[in-house]
Amino acid sequence: MAETNISSGGRPALPMQGVPQPSRDEVLGLPRVHISTHPVMADKMTALRDKNTQPPEFYRLVKEIGALLAYEATSNLALESVAIETPMEPMIGQRLAGGIGVTPILRAGLGLAEAFREVIPDVQIWHLGLRRDENTLQAMEYYNQLPHRVDLQVCYAVDPMLATGGSAIDAINILKRRGIPRLSYVGIIAAPYGLLKLSQPHPDIDIYIAALDESLNDRGYIMPGLGDAGDRQFGTL
C-alpha cells in the first residue's frame, strides 16, 4: 500500500509520485501467478482497452474475458465420482466436489462475477464493497454481505484492475478470516506494483490475470491500462 507523499508546499502530493515500482521482468517469476497467453484473450483485451469501445460492448467483453479466466482459474478444482445413466448405459462420471464462491469487489467486479456464474451456474456470489481513497489509495470497506456459514472448496476474489493491490489484499484478508480452504484472486489487468504487493502478504493464493501492464502513473492508475473499469462497464463516465 502506498504512503501519502507531501509536496514542498505542504499539500499532499500525488499518491504514487516518487514511489519505487518493480518492472514487469521483476514480477514475471513470482510463484502462483498465472498470466493468460491465449490468443483469443489477446484479441478481446485489445478491444477492451480501446477508448472507443462503448459501455454495452465493454461490459460484454468483461464477461467474455471473465469466462476465459474462469476456465483457467478452475482447472485444478477437486472432483468426485458419481454414478449416472446415459441414454445408452450406466457409467461413472465426475462432478465438482464442494461449493465454489465468487466474491466481486464492488462495483467493478460484478461483470467478472457474472462470467463465473455463466461458467458454473451454482456458484455462490458474495458481495464485498471496498472503495479506494483517491488521495491515499487506501481501501475502505463500505459493504460486506458474506454468509455466516461457509461450505466451500475454494473462493475467488474478482476485480478487473490490480493497481496498488490495496483492495485485493483487504478482500483476501476478509475471506481468510472465514476459514475457506483455498483462495484465489482473478483480475483482468495488473500492474507489477500491485502484483508484488498482493503476493507478499498472501504467497499461498493463486493469482490469475489476463494481462500484466507496465506501471502505475502518479495517481495510481495502471498504464497503459483501460481507464476506470467500473465507469466503463456501467456508463458513468
C-alpha atoms as a PDB file:
ATOM      1  CA  MET A   1       0.000   0.000   0.000  1.00  0.00           C
ATOM      2  CA  ALA A   2       1.487   3.336  -0.999  1.00  0.00           C
ATOM      3  CA  GLU A   3       2.196   6.014   1.592  1.00  0.00           C
ATOM      4  CA  THR A   4       0.943   9.553   1.030  1.00  0.00           C
ATOM      5  CA  ASN A   5       3.706  11.892  -0.104  1.00  0.00           C
ATOM      6  CA  ILE A   6       3.831  15.556   0.890  1.00  0.00           C
ATOM      7  CA  SER A   7       4.648  18.247  -1.663  1.00  0.00           C
ATOM      8  CA  SER A   8       7.126  21.047  -0.998  1.00  0.00           C
ATOM      9  CA  GLY A   9       4.171  23.382  -0.304  1.00  0.00           C
ATOM     10  CA  GLY A  10       2.875  21.140   2.481  1.00  0.00           C
ATOM     11  CA  ARG A  11      -0.065  19.791   0.442  1.00  0.00           C
ATOM     12  CA  PRO A  12      -0.452  16.067  -0.276  1.00  0.00           C
ATOM     13  CA  ALA A  13       1.375  15.139  -3.484  1.00  0.00           C
ATOM     14  CA  LEU A  14       0.058  12.614  -5.970  1.00  0.00           C
ATOM     15  CA  PRO A  15      -0.161   9.268  -4.133  1.00  0.00           C
ATOM     16  CA  MET A  16       2.295   7.289  -6.291  1.00  0.00           C
ATOM     17  CA  GLN A  17       4.647  10.175  -7.019  1.00  0.00           C
ATOM     18  CA  GLY A  18       8.201   9.081  -6.231  1.00  0.00           C
ATOM     19  CA  VAL A  19       7.159   5.603  -5.062  1.00  0.00           C
ATOM     20  CA  PRO A  20       9.566   2.923  -6.403  1.00  0.00           C
ATOM     21  CA  GLN A  21       7.895   0.372  -8.654  1.00  0.00           C
ATOM     22  CA  PRO A  22       9.119  -3.024  -9.851  1.00  0.00           C
ATOM     23  CA  SER A  23       9.426  -3.719 -13.560  1.00  0.00           C
ATOM     24  CA  ARG A  24       7.448  -6.358 -15.422  1.00  0.00           C
ATOM     25  CA  ASP A  25      10.521  -8.602 -15.575  1.00  0.00           C
ATOM     26  CA  GLU A  26      10.921  -8.433 -11.804  1.00  0.00           C
ATOM     27  CA  VAL A  27       7.461  -9.908 -11.141  1.00  0.00           C
ATOM     28  CA  LEU A  28       7.099 -12.374 -14.004  1.00  0.00           C
ATOM     29  CA  GLY A  29       8.793 -15.077 -11.937  1.00  0.00           C
ATOM     30  CA  LEU A  30       6.525 -14.763  -8.913  1.00  0.00           C
ATOM     31  CA  PRO A  31       5.184 -18.175  -7.864  1.00  0.00           C
ATOM     32  CA  ARG A  32       1.480 -18.925  -8.244  1.00  0.00           C
ATOM     33  CA  VAL A  33       0.933 -16.073 -10.699  1.00  0.00           C
ATOM     34  CA  HIS A  34      -0.824 -17.113 -13.909  1.00  0.00           C
ATOM     35  CA  ILE A  35      -0.880 -14.703 -16.863  1.00  0.00           C
ATOM     36  CA  SER A  36      -3.017 -15.747 -19.819  1.00  0.00           C
ATOM     37  CA  THR A  37      -1.242 -16.322 -23.124  1.00  0.00           C
ATOM     38  CA  HIS A  38      -4.343 -17.323 -25.090  1.00  0.00           C
ATOM     39  CA  PRO A  39      -4.610 -15.576 -28.493  1.00  0.00           C
ATOM     40  CA  VAL A  40      -8.380 -15.105 -28.109  1.00  0.00           C
ATOM     41  CA  MET A  41      -7.707 -13.335 -24.808  1.00  0.00           C
ATOM     42  CA  ALA A  42      -5.221 -11.004 -26.510  1.00  0.00           C
ATOM     43  CA  ASP A  43      -7.785 -10.144 -29.189  1.00  0.00           C
ATOM     44  CA  LYS A  44     -10.517  -9.353 -26.642  1.00  0.00           C
ATOM     45  CA  MET A  45      -8.115  -7.359 -24.469  1.00  0.00           C
ATOM     46  CA  THR A  46      -7.296  -5.070 -27.404  1.00  0.00           C
ATOM     47  CA  ALA A  47     -10.995  -4.334 -27.900  1.00  0.00           C
ATOM     48  CA  LEU A  48     -11.484  -3.818 -24.153  1.00  0.00           C
ATOM     49  CA  ARG A  49      -8.665  -1.257 -23.939  1.00  0.00           C
ATOM     50  CA  ASP A  50      -9.836   0.773 -26.953  1.00  0.00           C
ATOM     51  CA  LYS A  51     -11.202   4.123 -25.759  1.00  0.00           C
ATOM     52  CA  ASN A  52     -13.858   3.975 -28.478  1.00  0.00           C
ATOM     53  CA  THR A  53     -15.425   0.808 -27.033  1.00  0.00           C
ATOM     54  CA  GLN A  54     -18.790   1.852 -25.588  1.00  0.00           C
ATOM     55  CA  PRO A  55     -20.174   0.634 -22.213  1.00  0.00           C
ATOM     56  CA  PRO A  56     -22.506  -2.109 -23.540  1.00  0.00           C
ATOM     57  CA  GLU A  57     -19.704  -3.638 -25.605  1.00  0.00           C
ATOM     58  CA  PHE A  58     -17.206  -3.077 -22.796  1.00  0.00           C
ATOM     59  CA  TYR A  59     -19.417  -4.949 -20.321  1.00  0.00           C
ATOM     60  CA  ARG A  60     -19.886  -7.805 -22.797  1.00  0.00           C
ATOM     61  CA  LEU A  61     -16.108  -8.052 -23.241  1.00  0.00           C
ATOM     62  CA  VAL A  62     -15.547  -8.074 -19.474  1.00  0.00           C
ATOM     63  CA  LYS A  63     -17.881 -11.050 -19.193  1.00  0.00           C
ATOM     64  CA  GLU A  64     -16.238 -12.873 -22.119  1.00  0.00           C
ATOM     65  CA  ILE A  65     -12.761 -12.278 -20.723  1.00  0.00           C
ATOM     66  CA  GLY A  66     -14.037 -13.294 -17.290  1.00  0.00           C
ATOM     67  CA  ALA A  67     -15.349 -16.576 -18.682  1.00  0.00           C
ATOM     68  CA  LEU A  68     -11.948 -17.355 -20.219  1.00  0.00           C
ATOM     69  CA  LEU A  69     -10.279 -16.540 -16.895  1.00  0.00           C
ATOM     70  CA  ALA A  70     -12.823 -18.665 -15.048  1.00  0.00           C
ATOM     71  CA  TYR A  71     -11.921 -21.706 -17.151  1.00  0.00           C
ATOM     72  CA  GLU A  72      -8.225 -21.146 -16.395  1.00  0.00           C
ATOM     73  CA  ALA A  73      -8.734 -20.472 -12.685  1.00  0.00           C
ATOM     74  CA  THR A  74     -10.934 -23.546 -12.151  1.00  0.00           C
ATOM     75  CA  SER A  75      -8.679 -26.002 -13.979  1.00  0.00           C
ATOM     76  CA  ASN A  76      -7.490 -27.627 -10.735  1.00  0.00           C
ATOM     77  CA  LEU A  77     -10.779 -27.922  -8.845  1.00  0.00           C
ATOM     78  CA  ALA A  78     -11.431 -31.137  -6.930  1.00  0.00           C
ATOM     79  CA  LEU A  79     -13.811 -33.684  -8.456  1.00  0.00           C
ATOM     80  CA  GLU A  80     -15.799 -36.579  -7.068  1.00  0.00           C
ATOM     81  CA  SER A  81     -17.138 -39.676  -8.816  1.00  0.00           C
ATOM     82  CA  VAL A  82     -20.866 -40.069  -9.383  1.00  0.00           C
ATOM     83  CA  ALA A  83     -22.923 -42.854 -10.944  1.00  0.00           C
ATOM     84  CA  ILE A  84     -25.235 -41.775 -13.790  1.00  0.00           C
ATOM     85  CA  GLU A  85     -27.028 -43.352 -16.711  1.00  0.00           C
ATOM     86  CA  THR A  86     -26.540 -42.154 -20.264  1.00  0.00           C
ATOM     87  CA  PRO A  87     -29.219 -42.940 -22.883  1.00  0.00           C
ATOM     88  CA  MET A  88     -27.034 -45.958 -23.708  1.00  0.00           C
ATOM     89  CA  GLU A  89     -25.813 -47.425 -20.390  1.00  0.00           C
ATOM     90  CA  PRO A  90     -24.732 -46.682 -16.789  1.00  0.00           C
ATOM     91  CA  MET A  91     -21.362 -45.059 -16.215  1.00  0.00           C
ATOM     92  CA  ILE A  92     -19.262 -43.329 -13.587  1.00  0.00           C
ATOM     93  CA  GLY A  93     -18.866 -39.614 -14.238  1.00  0.00           C
ATOM     94  CA  GLN A  94     -17.314 -36.768 -12.272  1.00  0.00           C
ATOM     95  CA  ARG A  95     -18.773 -33.684 -10.634  1.00  0.00           C
ATOM     96  CA  LEU A  96     -17.256 -30.765  -8.780  1.00  0.00           C
ATOM     97  CA  ALA A  97     -16.639 -31.659  -5.146  1.00  0.00           C
ATOM     98  CA  GLY A  98     -17.719 -28.912  -2.767  1.00  0.00           C
ATOM     99  CA  GLY A  99     -19.088 -25.428  -3.196  1.00  0.00           C
ATOM    100  CA  ILE A 100     -17.458 -22.620  -5.137  1.00  0.00           C
ATOM    101  CA  GLY A 101     -17.635 -18.998  -4.047  1.00  0.00           C
ATOM    102  CA  VAL A 102     -17.016 -15.821  -6.009  1.00  0.00           C
ATOM    103  CA  THR A 103     -16.539 -12.502  -4.243  1.00  0.00           C
ATOM    104  CA  PRO A 104     -16.738  -9.487  -6.577  1.00  0.00           C
ATOM    105  CA  ILE A 105     -15.177  -6.327  -5.197  1.00  0.00           C
ATOM    106  CA  LEU A 106     -17.924  -3.790  -5.847  1.00  0.00           C
ATOM    107  CA  ARG A 107     -18.748  -2.461  -8.192  1.00  0.00           C
ATOM    108  CA  ALA A 108     -16.208  -3.180 -10.908  1.00  0.00           C
ATOM    109  CA  GLY A 109     -16.037  -6.896 -10.072  1.00  0.00           C
ATOM    110  CA  LEU A 110     -19.693  -7.540 -10.937  1.00  0.00           C
ATOM    111  CA  GLY A 111     -19.030  -8.327 -14.602  1.00  0.00           C
ATOM    112  CA  LEU A 112     -16.415 -10.922 -13.686  1.00  0.00           C
ATOM    113  CA  ALA A 113     -18.769 -12.494 -11.138  1.00  0.00           C
ATOM    114  CA  GLU A 114     -21.453 -12.842 -13.815  1.00  0.00           C
ATOM    115  CA  ALA A 115     -18.878 -14.515 -16.060  1.00  0.00           C
ATOM    116  CA  PHE A 116     -18.119 -17.113 -13.373  1.00  0.00           C
ATOM    117  CA  ARG A 117     -21.842 -17.725 -12.935  1.00  0.00           C
ATOM    118  CA  GLU A 118     -22.223 -18.411 -16.654  1.00  0.00           C
ATOM    119  CA  VAL A 119     -19.419 -20.980 -16.473  1.00  0.00           C
ATOM    120  CA  ILE A 120     -20.609 -22.541 -13.176  1.00  0.00           C
ATOM    121  CA  PRO A 121     -24.290 -21.642 -12.630  1.00  0.00           C
ATOM    122  CA  ASP A 122     -24.451 -22.731  -8.980  1.00  0.00           C
ATOM    123  CA  VAL A 123     -21.544 -20.638  -7.679  1.00  0.00           C
ATOM    124  CA  GLN A 124     -22.230 -18.629  -4.544  1.00  0.00           C
ATOM    125  CA  ILE A 125     -21.843 -14.867  -5.101  1.00  0.00           C
ATOM    126  CA  TRP A 126     -20.630 -12.976  -2.029  1.00  0.00           C
ATOM    127  CA  HIS A 127     -20.601  -9.176  -2.391  1.00  0.00           C
ATOM    128  CA  LEU A 128     -17.864  -7.058  -0.843  1.00  0.00           C
ATOM    129  CA  GLY A 129     -17.670  -3.270  -1.174  1.00  0.00           C
ATOM    130  CA  LEU A 130     -14.196  -1.719  -0.992  1.00  0.00           C
ATOM    131  CA  ARG A 131     -13.695   1.882  -2.108  1.00  0.00           C
ATOM    132  CA  ARG A 132     -10.304   3.400  -2.880  1.00  0.00           C
ATOM    133  CA  ASP A 133      -9.479   6.788  -1.377  1.00  0.00           C
ATOM    134  CA  GLU A 134      -8.130   8.690  -4.381  1.00  0.00           C
ATOM    135  CA  ASN A 135      -5.733  10.724  -2.222  1.00  0.00           C
ATOM    136  CA  THR A 136      -4.162   7.960  -0.149  1.00  0.00           C
ATOM    137  CA  LEU A 137      -5.072   4.895  -2.296  1.00  0.00           C
ATOM    138  CA  GLN A 138      -6.178   3.161   0.923  1.00  0.00           C
ATOM    139  CA  ALA A 139      -9.034   0.667   0.550  1.00  0.00           C
ATOM    140  CA  MET A 140     -12.093   1.341   2.719  1.00  0.00           C
ATOM    141  CA  GLU A 141     -14.788  -1.297   3.342  1.00  0.00           C
ATOM    142  CA  TYR A 142     -18.336   0.019   2.974  1.00  0.00           C
ATOM    143  CA  TYR A 143     -20.370  -3.155   2.295  1.00  0.00           C
ATOM    144  CA  ASN A 144     -19.979  -6.760   3.411  1.00  0.00           C
ATOM    145  CA  GLN A 145     -22.591  -9.366   2.501  1.00  0.00           C
ATOM    146  CA  LEU A 146     -20.692 -12.564   3.226  1.00  0.00           C
ATOM    147  CA  PRO A 147     -22.575 -15.560   4.664  1.00  0.00           C
ATOM    148  CA  HIS A 148     -22.185 -16.673   8.270  1.00  0.00           C
ATOM    149  CA  ARG A 149     -21.811 -20.329   7.256  1.00  0.00           C
ATOM    150  CA  VAL A 150     -19.075 -21.334   4.841  1.00  0.00           C
ATOM    151  CA  ASP A 151     -19.004 -24.677   2.983  1.00  0.00           C
ATOM    152  CA  LEU A 152     -16.698 -24.167   0.022  1.00  0.00           C
ATOM    153  CA  GLN A 153     -13.715 -25.853  -1.531  1.00  0.00           C
ATOM    154  CA  VAL A 154     -12.499 -22.535  -2.992  1.00  0.00           C
ATOM    155  CA  CYS A 155     -13.451 -18.870  -3.240  1.00  0.00           C
ATOM    156  CA  TYR A 156     -12.331 -16.432  -5.935  1.00  0.00           C
ATOM    157  CA  ALA A 157     -11.967 -12.720  -5.215  1.00  0.00           C
ATOM    158  CA  VAL A 158     -12.586 -10.955  -8.536  1.00  0.00           C
ATOM    159  CA  ASP A 159     -11.810  -7.384  -9.588  1.00  0.00           C
ATOM    160  CA  PRO A 160     -10.809  -6.137 -13.056  1.00  0.00           C
ATOM    161  CA  MET A 161      -7.855  -3.964 -12.004  1.00  0.00           C
ATOM    162  CA  LEU A 162      -4.970  -4.880  -9.689  1.00  0.00           C
ATOM    163  CA  ALA A 163      -3.320  -1.470  -9.332  1.00  0.00           C
ATOM    164  CA  THR A 164      -1.772  -0.756  -5.922  1.00  0.00           C
ATOM    165  CA  GLY A 165      -3.098  -4.033  -4.502  1.00  0.00           C
ATOM    166  CA  GLY A 166      -4.869  -2.451  -1.522  1.00  0.00           C
ATOM    167  CA  SER A 167      -8.405  -3.654  -2.262  1.00  0.00           C
ATOM    168  CA  ALA A 168      -7.223  -7.126  -3.237  1.00  0.00           C
ATOM    169  CA  ILE A 169      -5.159  -7.504  -0.055  1.00  0.00           C
ATOM    170  CA  ASP A 170      -8.072  -6.389   2.112  1.00  0.00           C
ATOM    171  CA  ALA A 171     -10.509  -8.700   0.298  1.00  0.00           C
ATOM    172  CA  ILE A 172      -8.250 -11.727   0.788  1.00  0.00           C
ATOM    173  CA  ASN A 173      -7.733 -10.791   4.456  1.00  0.00           C
ATOM    174  CA  ILE A 174     -11.511 -10.693   4.966  1.00  0.00           C
ATOM    175  CA  LEU A 175     -12.034 -14.025   3.196  1.00  0.00           C
ATOM    176  CA  LYS A 176      -9.213 -15.712   5.106  1.00  0.00           C
ATOM    177  CA  ARG A 177     -10.971 -14.896   8.369  1.00  0.00           C
ATOM    178  CA  ARG A 178     -13.862 -17.102   7.152  1.00  0.00           C
ATOM    179  CA  GLY A 179     -11.639 -20.197   7.125  1.00  0.00           C
ATOM    180  CA  ILE A 180     -12.055 -21.028   3.422  1.00  0.00           C
ATOM    181  CA  PRO A 181      -9.658 -23.865   2.453  1.00  0.00           C
ATOM    182  CA  ARG A 182      -8.434 -22.250  -0.788  1.00  0.00           C
ATOM    183  CA  LEU A 183      -8.498 -18.697  -2.071  1.00  0.00           C
ATOM    184  CA  SER A 184      -7.594 -17.234  -5.453  1.00  0.00           C
ATOM    185  CA  TYR A 185      -7.619 -13.775  -7.000  1.00  0.00           C
ATOM    186  CA  VAL A 186      -8.839 -13.214 -10.554  1.00  0.00           C
ATOM    187  CA  GLY A 187      -8.348  -9.929 -12.401  1.00  0.00           C
ATOM    188  CA  ILE A 188      -8.114  -8.607 -15.928  1.00  0.00           C
ATOM    189  CA  ILE A 189      -5.133  -6.219 -15.785  1.00  0.00           C
ATOM    190  CA  ALA A 190      -2.392  -5.970 -13.163  1.00  0.00           C
ATOM    191  CA  ALA A 191       0.420  -3.504 -12.604  1.00  0.00           C
ATOM    192  CA  PRO A 192       3.748  -5.010 -11.463  1.00  0.00           C
ATOM    193  CA  TYR A 193       3.477  -2.972  -8.239  1.00  0.00           C
ATOM    194  CA  GLY A 194       0.060  -4.391  -7.333  1.00  0.00           C
ATOM    195  CA  LEU A 195       1.047  -7.918  -8.267  1.00  0.00           C
ATOM    196  CA  LEU A 196       4.073  -7.771  -5.974  1.00  0.00           C
ATOM    197  CA  LYS A 197       2.115  -6.143  -3.141  1.00  0.00           C
ATOM    198  CA  LEU A 198      -0.585  -8.830  -3.253  1.00  0.00           C
ATOM    199  CA  SER A 199       1.912 -11.690  -3.470  1.00  0.00           C
ATOM    200  CA  GLN A 200       3.955 -10.579  -0.462  1.00  0.00           C
ATOM    201  CA  PRO A 201       1.325 -10.947   2.317  1.00  0.00           C
ATOM    202  CA  HIS A 202      -0.546 -13.742   0.525  1.00  0.00           C
ATOM    203  CA  PRO A 203       2.007 -16.126  -1.030  1.00  0.00           C
ATOM    204  CA  ASP A 204      -0.443 -19.008  -0.541  1.00  0.00           C
ATOM    205  CA  ILE A 205      -3.048 -17.858  -3.101  1.00  0.00           C
ATOM    206  CA  ASP A 206      -3.129 -18.273  -6.875  1.00  0.00           C
ATOM    207  CA  ILE A 207      -3.424 -15.091  -8.942  1.00  0.00           C
ATOM    208  CA  TYR A 208      -4.956 -15.238 -12.426  1.00  0.00           C
ATOM    209  CA  ILE A 209      -4.807 -12.229 -14.766  1.00  0.00           C
ATOM    210  CA  ALA A 210      -5.374 -11.607 -18.445  1.00  0.00           C
ATOM    211  CA  ALA A 211      -2.555  -9.073 -18.886  1.00  0.00           C
ATOM    212  CA  LEU A 212       0.398  -7.614 -16.992  1.00  0.00           C
ATOM    213  CA  ASP A 213       0.882  -3.927 -17.817  1.00  0.00           C
ATOM    214  CA  GLU A 214       3.901  -1.649 -17.446  1.00  0.00           C
ATOM    215  CA  SER A 215       3.430   0.547 -14.365  1.00  0.00           C
ATOM    216  CA  LEU A 216       1.227   2.892 -12.338  1.00  0.00           C
ATOM    217  CA  ASN A 217       1.113   6.608 -13.038  1.00  0.00           C
ATOM    218  CA  ASP A 218       1.466   9.145 -10.225  1.00  0.00           C
ATOM    219  CA  ARG A 219      -2.271   8.933  -9.494  1.00  0.00           C
ATOM    220  CA  GLY A 220      -2.145   5.155  -9.109  1.00  0.00           C
ATOM    221  CA  TYR A 221      -3.798   4.246 -12.428  1.00  0.00           C
ATOM    222  CA  ILE A 222      -2.492   1.341 -14.490  1.00  0.00           C
ATOM    223  CA  MET A 223      -0.615   2.262 -17.661  1.00  0.00           C
ATOM    224  CA  PRO A 224      -1.429   1.686 -20.485  1.00  0.00           C
ATOM    225  CA  GLY A 225      -4.488   0.190 -18.760  1.00  0.00           C
ATOM    226  CA  LEU A 226      -8.035   0.851 -19.915  1.00  0.00           C
ATOM    227  CA  GLY A 227      -9.259   3.701 -17.708  1.00  0.00           C
ATOM    228  CA  ASP A 228     -11.796   3.163 -14.926  1.00  0.00           C
ATOM    229  CA  ALA A 229     -13.251  -0.337 -15.315  1.00  0.00           C
ATOM    230  CA  GLY A 230     -16.341   0.430 -13.219  1.00  0.00           C
ATOM    231  CA  ASP A 231     -17.226   3.614 -15.093  1.00  0.00           C
ATOM    232  CA  ARG A 232     -16.693   1.960 -18.459  1.00  0.00           C
ATOM    233  CA  GLN A 233     -18.851  -1.058 -17.560  1.00  0.00           C
ATOM    234  CA  PHE A 234     -21.772   0.939 -16.237  1.00  0.00           C
ATOM    235  CA  GLY A 235     -21.629   4.086 -18.358  1.00  0.00           C
ATOM    236  CA  THR A 236     -20.855   6.522 -15.523  1.00  0.00           C
ATOM    237  CA  LEU A 237     -18.065   8.313 -17.366  1.00  0.00           C
END
